[in-house]
């Protein structure tokens, strides 16, 4: 049995400026997108320039923040925020949803693709392999904060999270599972897959399929939100939202990509 180390959520204090670990993980995530994107640009496997990559990241930052927050509001606590609408702006109190952030990024890609006069999937195929390490950083931030803990377990690597209401229960460190699956494993798959020319849209479809499957599986070990619990069929909200994600990914991979030509590298 392990005990969560109870990290200080503040990574750095510079006078009046406080830098929290979770915010730092967001910065690291977008920094990794920039580093990997520049590598792909040097390899000649990118539809954008270095300046274009920075513009694309700016669009995506806005999409992640706005989409992630609104997704949490709509998918998880709509009734509460309808009664307290001003609190939608209280992003410093937490409350972000991956699936909402994904929708925000899709909108950002749409706007950026129009700006540079190219197809949506050309941009999304370039961006998809760059995202998973950022997701891994985010899940590491969840673990450092001791939030989004897992369900009870008897596994030898189970961990006590003292900040949980029933802090004596040994739980799955589900944040680390998600870091490994949605982050590291997904990155390895997409980086390898996209290293060779593929039909336009196929890398994007694979991202949706693989992330959806990994998230669906990881949710079996993650404690559902106490204000939602398990929903239809004993599934969590994360699992329910992952099902259409997988279906759309399959459609893109097998049908949309077949009607397009492979990009030239």
Protein backbone atom coordinates (compact mmCIF):
# COMPACT_ATOMS: atom_id res chain seq x y z
CA UNK A 1 0.00 0.00 0.00
CA UNK A 2 1.24 3.46 -0.94
CA UNK A 3 0.26 6.89 0.33
CA UNK A 4 -0.05 9.89 -1.96
CA UNK A 5 2.91 12.21 -1.24
CA UNK A 6 0.65 15.25 -0.73
CA UNK A 7 2.66 17.55 -2.97
CA UNK A 8 2.38 21.27 -2.45
CA UNK A 9 0.05 22.42 -5.28
CA UNK A 10 2.20 25.55 -5.62
CA UNK A 11 5.22 24.84 -7.79
CA UNK A 12 6.84 28.25 -7.48
CA UNK A 13 6.26 31.45 -5.54
CA UNK A 14 7.82 34.63 -6.91
CA UNK A 15 6.68 37.43 -4.66
CA UNK A 16 3.01 38.04 -5.46
CA UNK A 17 3.15 35.63 -8.40
CA UNK A 18 2.02 32.08 -7.61
CA UNK A 19 2.60 29.30 -10.14
CA UNK A 20 0.57 26.16 -9.52
CA UNK A 21 1.69 22.75 -10.71
CA UNK A 22 -1.45 22.23 -12.78
CA UNK A 23 -1.00 25.51 -14.63
CA UNK A 24 2.66 24.65 -15.13
CA UNK A 25 1.64 21.33 -16.67
CA UNK A 26 -0.50 23.19 -19.20
CA UNK A 27 2.51 25.32 -20.14
CA UNK A 28 4.68 22.22 -20.43
CA UNK A 29 2.02 20.56 -22.58
CA UNK A 30 1.85 23.40 -25.07
CA UNK A 31 5.66 23.66 -24.98
CA UNK A 32 5.89 19.99 -26.00
CA UNK A 33 3.49 20.66 -28.88
CA UNK A 34 5.80 23.46 -30.02
CA UNK A 35 8.95 21.30 -29.77
CA UNK A 36 7.46 18.30 -31.57
CA UNK A 37 5.78 20.50 -34.17
CA UNK A 38 9.07 22.18 -35.01
CA UNK A 39 10.68 18.78 -35.38
CA UNK A 40 8.02 17.76 -37.89
CA UNK A 41 8.52 21.05 -39.73
CA UNK A 42 12.28 20.39 -40.01
CA UNK A 43 11.50 16.92 -41.35
CA UNK A 44 9.27 18.45 -44.01
CA UNK A 45 6.16 16.72 -42.63
CA UNK A 46 4.09 19.81 -41.86
CA UNK A 47 1.57 22.02 -43.65
CA UNK A 48 2.69 25.07 -41.64
CA UNK A 49 5.81 27.18 -41.09
CA UNK A 50 7.39 27.85 -37.70
CA UNK A 51 5.41 31.08 -37.45
CA UNK A 52 2.32 29.22 -38.56
CA UNK A 53 2.85 26.65 -35.78
CA UNK A 54 2.94 29.42 -33.19
CA UNK A 55 -0.29 30.85 -34.59
CA UNK A 56 -1.89 27.40 -34.52
CA UNK A 57 -0.85 26.87 -30.89
CA UNK A 58 -2.37 30.25 -29.98
CA UNK A 59 -5.67 29.21 -31.59
CA UNK A 60 -5.57 25.87 -29.76
CA UNK A 61 -4.79 27.42 -26.37
CA UNK A 62 -7.94 29.51 -26.71
CA UNK A 63 -9.89 26.44 -27.85
CA UNK A 64 -8.68 24.28 -24.95
CA UNK A 65 -9.45 26.88 -22.28
CA UNK A 66 -12.84 27.98 -23.60
CA UNK A 67 -13.95 24.55 -24.81
CA UNK A 68 -12.65 22.73 -21.74
CA UNK A 69 -14.46 25.08 -19.38
CA UNK A 70 -17.74 25.17 -21.30
CA UNK A 71 -17.57 21.40 -21.77
CA UNK A 72 -17.32 20.92 -18.01
CA UNK A 73 -20.24 23.28 -17.48
CA UNK A 74 -22.49 21.58 -20.05
CA UNK A 75 -21.49 17.92 -19.63
CA UNK A 76 -21.01 17.74 -15.87
CA UNK A 77 -22.71 20.51 -13.86
CA UNK A 78 -25.18 22.27 -16.15
CA UNK A 79 -27.93 22.66 -13.52
CA UNK A 80 -25.51 24.16 -11.02
CA UNK A 81 -24.06 26.70 -13.43
CA UNK A 82 -27.47 27.68 -14.76
CA UNK A 83 -28.26 28.65 -11.19
CA UNK A 84 -24.85 30.32 -10.68
CA UNK A 85 -23.86 31.61 -14.15
CA UNK A 86 -21.18 34.03 -12.91
CA UNK A 87 -19.20 31.06 -11.57
CA UNK A 88 -18.63 29.85 -15.13
CA UNK A 89 -15.87 32.46 -15.18
CA UNK A 90 -14.21 31.09 -12.01
CA UNK A 91 -11.71 28.93 -13.90
CA UNK A 92 -9.19 29.23 -11.05
CA UNK A 93 -11.47 27.02 -8.95
CA UNK A 94 -10.98 24.12 -11.39
CA UNK A 95 -13.38 22.35 -13.68
CA UNK A 96 -12.21 21.46 -17.18
CA UNK A 97 -13.41 18.66 -19.46
CA UNK A 98 -11.24 16.96 -22.07
CA UNK A 99 -14.11 16.32 -24.46
CA UNK A 100 -15.10 19.99 -24.31
CA UNK A 101 -11.49 21.01 -24.84
CA UNK A 102 -11.37 18.72 -27.87
CA UNK A 103 -14.41 20.44 -29.37
CA UNK A 104 -12.71 23.77 -28.74
CA UNK A 105 -9.57 22.58 -30.52
CA UNK A 106 -11.62 21.31 -33.46
CA UNK A 107 -13.16 24.75 -33.81
CA UNK A 108 -9.69 26.32 -33.56
CA UNK A 109 -8.40 24.00 -36.31
CA UNK A 110 -11.38 24.89 -38.51
CA UNK A 111 -10.69 28.61 -38.15
CA UNK A 112 -6.95 28.18 -38.69
CA UNK A 113 -7.42 25.95 -41.74
CA UNK A 114 -9.63 28.63 -43.29
CA UNK A 115 -7.01 31.25 -42.52
CA UNK A 116 -4.28 29.39 -44.40
CA UNK A 117 -6.69 28.10 -47.08
CA UNK A 118 -6.17 24.39 -46.53
CA UNK A 119 -8.30 21.40 -45.55
CA UNK A 120 -9.31 20.75 -41.95
CA UNK A 121 -7.85 17.24 -41.89
CA UNK A 122 -4.49 18.39 -43.24
CA UNK A 123 -4.08 20.52 -40.12
CA UNK A 124 -5.63 18.01 -37.71
CA UNK A 125 -3.41 15.18 -39.01
CA UNK A 126 -0.36 17.35 -38.32
CA UNK A 127 -1.56 18.30 -34.84
CA UNK A 128 -2.86 14.93 -33.60
CA UNK A 129 0.54 13.29 -32.87
CA UNK A 130 1.70 16.42 -31.03
CA UNK A 131 -1.10 16.39 -28.45
CA UNK A 132 -0.67 13.19 -26.35
CA UNK A 133 2.44 14.26 -24.43
CA UNK A 134 0.56 17.39 -23.42
CA UNK A 135 -2.26 15.16 -22.18
CA UNK A 136 0.31 13.15 -20.21
CA UNK A 137 1.53 16.36 -18.57
CA UNK A 138 -2.03 17.25 -17.62
CA UNK A 139 -2.63 13.86 -15.99
CA UNK A 140 0.63 14.22 -14.08
CA UNK A 141 -0.74 17.54 -12.83
CA UNK A 142 -3.89 15.73 -11.64
CA UNK A 143 -1.71 13.26 -9.72
CA UNK A 144 0.42 15.99 -8.14
CA UNK A 145 -2.76 17.75 -7.00
CA UNK A 146 -4.12 14.47 -5.65
CA UNK A 147 -7.38 14.88 -7.59
CA UNK A 148 -9.47 12.62 -9.84
CA UNK A 149 -8.38 9.60 -7.84
CA UNK A 150 -9.37 6.05 -8.66
CA UNK A 151 -11.81 3.50 -7.32
CA UNK A 152 -11.06 1.17 -4.42
CA UNK A 153 -8.58 -1.61 -5.15
CA UNK A 154 -6.69 -4.44 -3.49
CA UNK A 155 -3.78 -4.23 -5.94
CA UNK A 156 -0.36 -3.92 -4.28
CA UNK A 157 0.26 -0.56 -6.00
CA UNK A 158 -3.00 0.86 -4.63
CA UNK A 159 -2.67 4.27 -3.01
CA UNK A 160 -4.34 6.18 -0.21
CA UNK A 161 -5.37 9.72 -1.12
CA UNK A 162 -5.79 11.51 2.24
CA UNK A 163 -7.62 14.42 0.60
CA UNK A 164 -10.51 12.14 -0.41
CA UNK A 165 -13.53 12.29 1.89
CA UNK A 166 -13.02 8.63 2.78
CA UNK A 167 -9.26 9.10 2.84
CA UNK A 168 -8.48 5.70 4.34
CA UNK A 169 -9.55 3.70 1.28
CA UNK A 170 -6.82 2.24 -0.93
CA UNK A 171 -7.46 3.37 -4.49
CA UNK A 172 -6.16 2.99 -8.02
CA UNK A 173 -3.74 5.79 -8.96
CA UNK A 174 -5.93 6.24 -12.04
CA UNK A 175 -4.28 9.54 -12.97
CA UNK A 176 -1.08 7.60 -13.68
CA UNK A 177 -2.99 4.98 -15.70
CA UNK A 178 -4.44 7.76 -17.83
CA UNK A 179 -1.04 9.40 -18.15
CA UNK A 180 0.35 6.11 -19.47
CA UNK A 181 -2.53 5.28 -21.82
CA UNK A 182 -3.91 8.62 -23.06
CA UNK A 183 -0.47 10.20 -22.97
CA UNK A 184 2.56 7.98 -23.51
CA UNK A 185 0.97 5.03 -25.32
CA UNK A 186 -1.16 7.26 -27.54
CA UNK A 187 1.89 9.35 -28.41
CA UNK A 188 3.92 6.26 -29.37
CA UNK A 189 1.12 4.97 -31.62
CA UNK A 190 0.41 8.25 -33.39
CA UNK A 191 4.05 9.31 -33.77
CA UNK A 192 4.89 5.97 -35.37
CA UNK A 193 1.74 5.91 -37.52
CA UNK A 194 2.17 9.47 -38.81
CA UNK A 195 5.87 9.04 -39.59
CA UNK A 196 4.90 7.75 -43.05
CA UNK A 197 2.49 9.34 -45.57
CA UNK A 198 -1.11 8.37 -44.85
CA UNK A 199 -4.44 9.26 -46.47
CA UNK A 200 -5.63 12.65 -45.28
CA UNK A 201 -7.80 12.22 -42.20
CA UNK A 202 -6.50 8.82 -41.15
CA UNK A 203 -4.19 10.07 -38.40
CA UNK A 204 -7.02 12.19 -37.00
CA UNK A 205 -9.37 9.21 -37.07
CA UNK A 206 -6.83 7.03 -35.28
CA UNK A 207 -6.41 9.70 -32.59
CA UNK A 208 -10.15 9.68 -31.87
CA UNK A 209 -10.34 5.88 -31.85
CA UNK A 210 -7.28 5.28 -29.66
CA UNK A 211 -7.97 8.07 -27.18
CA UNK A 212 -11.61 7.04 -26.89
CA UNK A 213 -10.70 3.40 -26.23
CA UNK A 214 -7.96 4.27 -23.72
CA UNK A 215 -10.22 6.72 -21.89
CA UNK A 216 -13.11 4.23 -21.84
CA UNK A 217 -10.87 1.56 -20.29
CA UNK A 218 -9.20 3.88 -17.78
CA UNK A 219 -12.58 5.07 -16.53
CA UNK A 220 -13.23 1.61 -15.07
CA UNK A 221 -10.55 2.40 -12.47
CA UNK A 222 -11.44 6.07 -11.92
CA UNK A 223 -13.87 7.16 -9.22
CA UNK A 224 -16.88 8.78 -10.91
CA UNK A 225 -17.69 12.36 -9.97
CA UNK A 226 -19.64 12.34 -6.70
CA UNK A 227 -22.25 14.75 -8.09
CA UNK A 228 -22.90 12.45 -11.09
CA UNK A 229 -22.04 8.91 -10.11
CA UNK A 230 -22.47 6.19 -12.70
CA UNK A 231 -25.03 6.79 -15.42
CA UNK A 232 -26.78 4.69 -18.09
CA UNK A 233 -25.56 1.09 -18.15
CA UNK A 234 -23.27 1.70 -15.19
CA UNK A 235 -20.99 3.89 -17.31
CA UNK A 236 -19.33 7.13 -16.25
CA UNK A 237 -19.82 10.39 -18.10
CA UNK A 238 -16.28 10.06 -19.48
CA UNK A 239 -17.18 6.67 -20.97
CA UNK A 240 -20.45 7.89 -22.44
CA UNK A 241 -18.70 10.81 -24.13
CA UNK A 242 -15.97 8.48 -25.45
CA UNK A 243 -18.41 6.22 -27.32
CA UNK A 244 -19.38 8.78 -30.03
CA UNK A 245 -15.74 9.84 -30.16
CA UNK A 246 -14.72 6.29 -31.10
CA UNK A 247 -17.58 5.99 -33.63
CA UNK A 248 -16.64 9.26 -35.34
CA UNK A 249 -12.99 8.17 -35.38
CA UNK A 250 -13.88 4.89 -37.08
CA UNK A 251 -15.95 6.74 -39.69
CA UNK A 252 -13.10 9.17 -40.43
CA UNK A 253 -10.46 6.43 -40.54
CA UNK A 254 -12.32 4.05 -42.85
CA UNK A 255 -14.50 6.35 -44.95
CA UNK A 256 -13.40 9.97 -44.99
CA UNK A 257 -9.72 9.15 -45.49
CA UNK A 258 -10.54 6.77 -48.36
CA UNK A 259 -12.02 9.63 -50.36
CA UNK A 260 -8.92 11.83 -50.07
CA UNK A 261 -5.44 11.70 -51.43
CA UNK A 262 -2.32 11.16 -49.36
CA UNK A 263 -0.46 14.37 -48.49
CA UNK A 264 2.81 14.99 -50.24
CA UNK A 265 5.84 15.05 -47.92
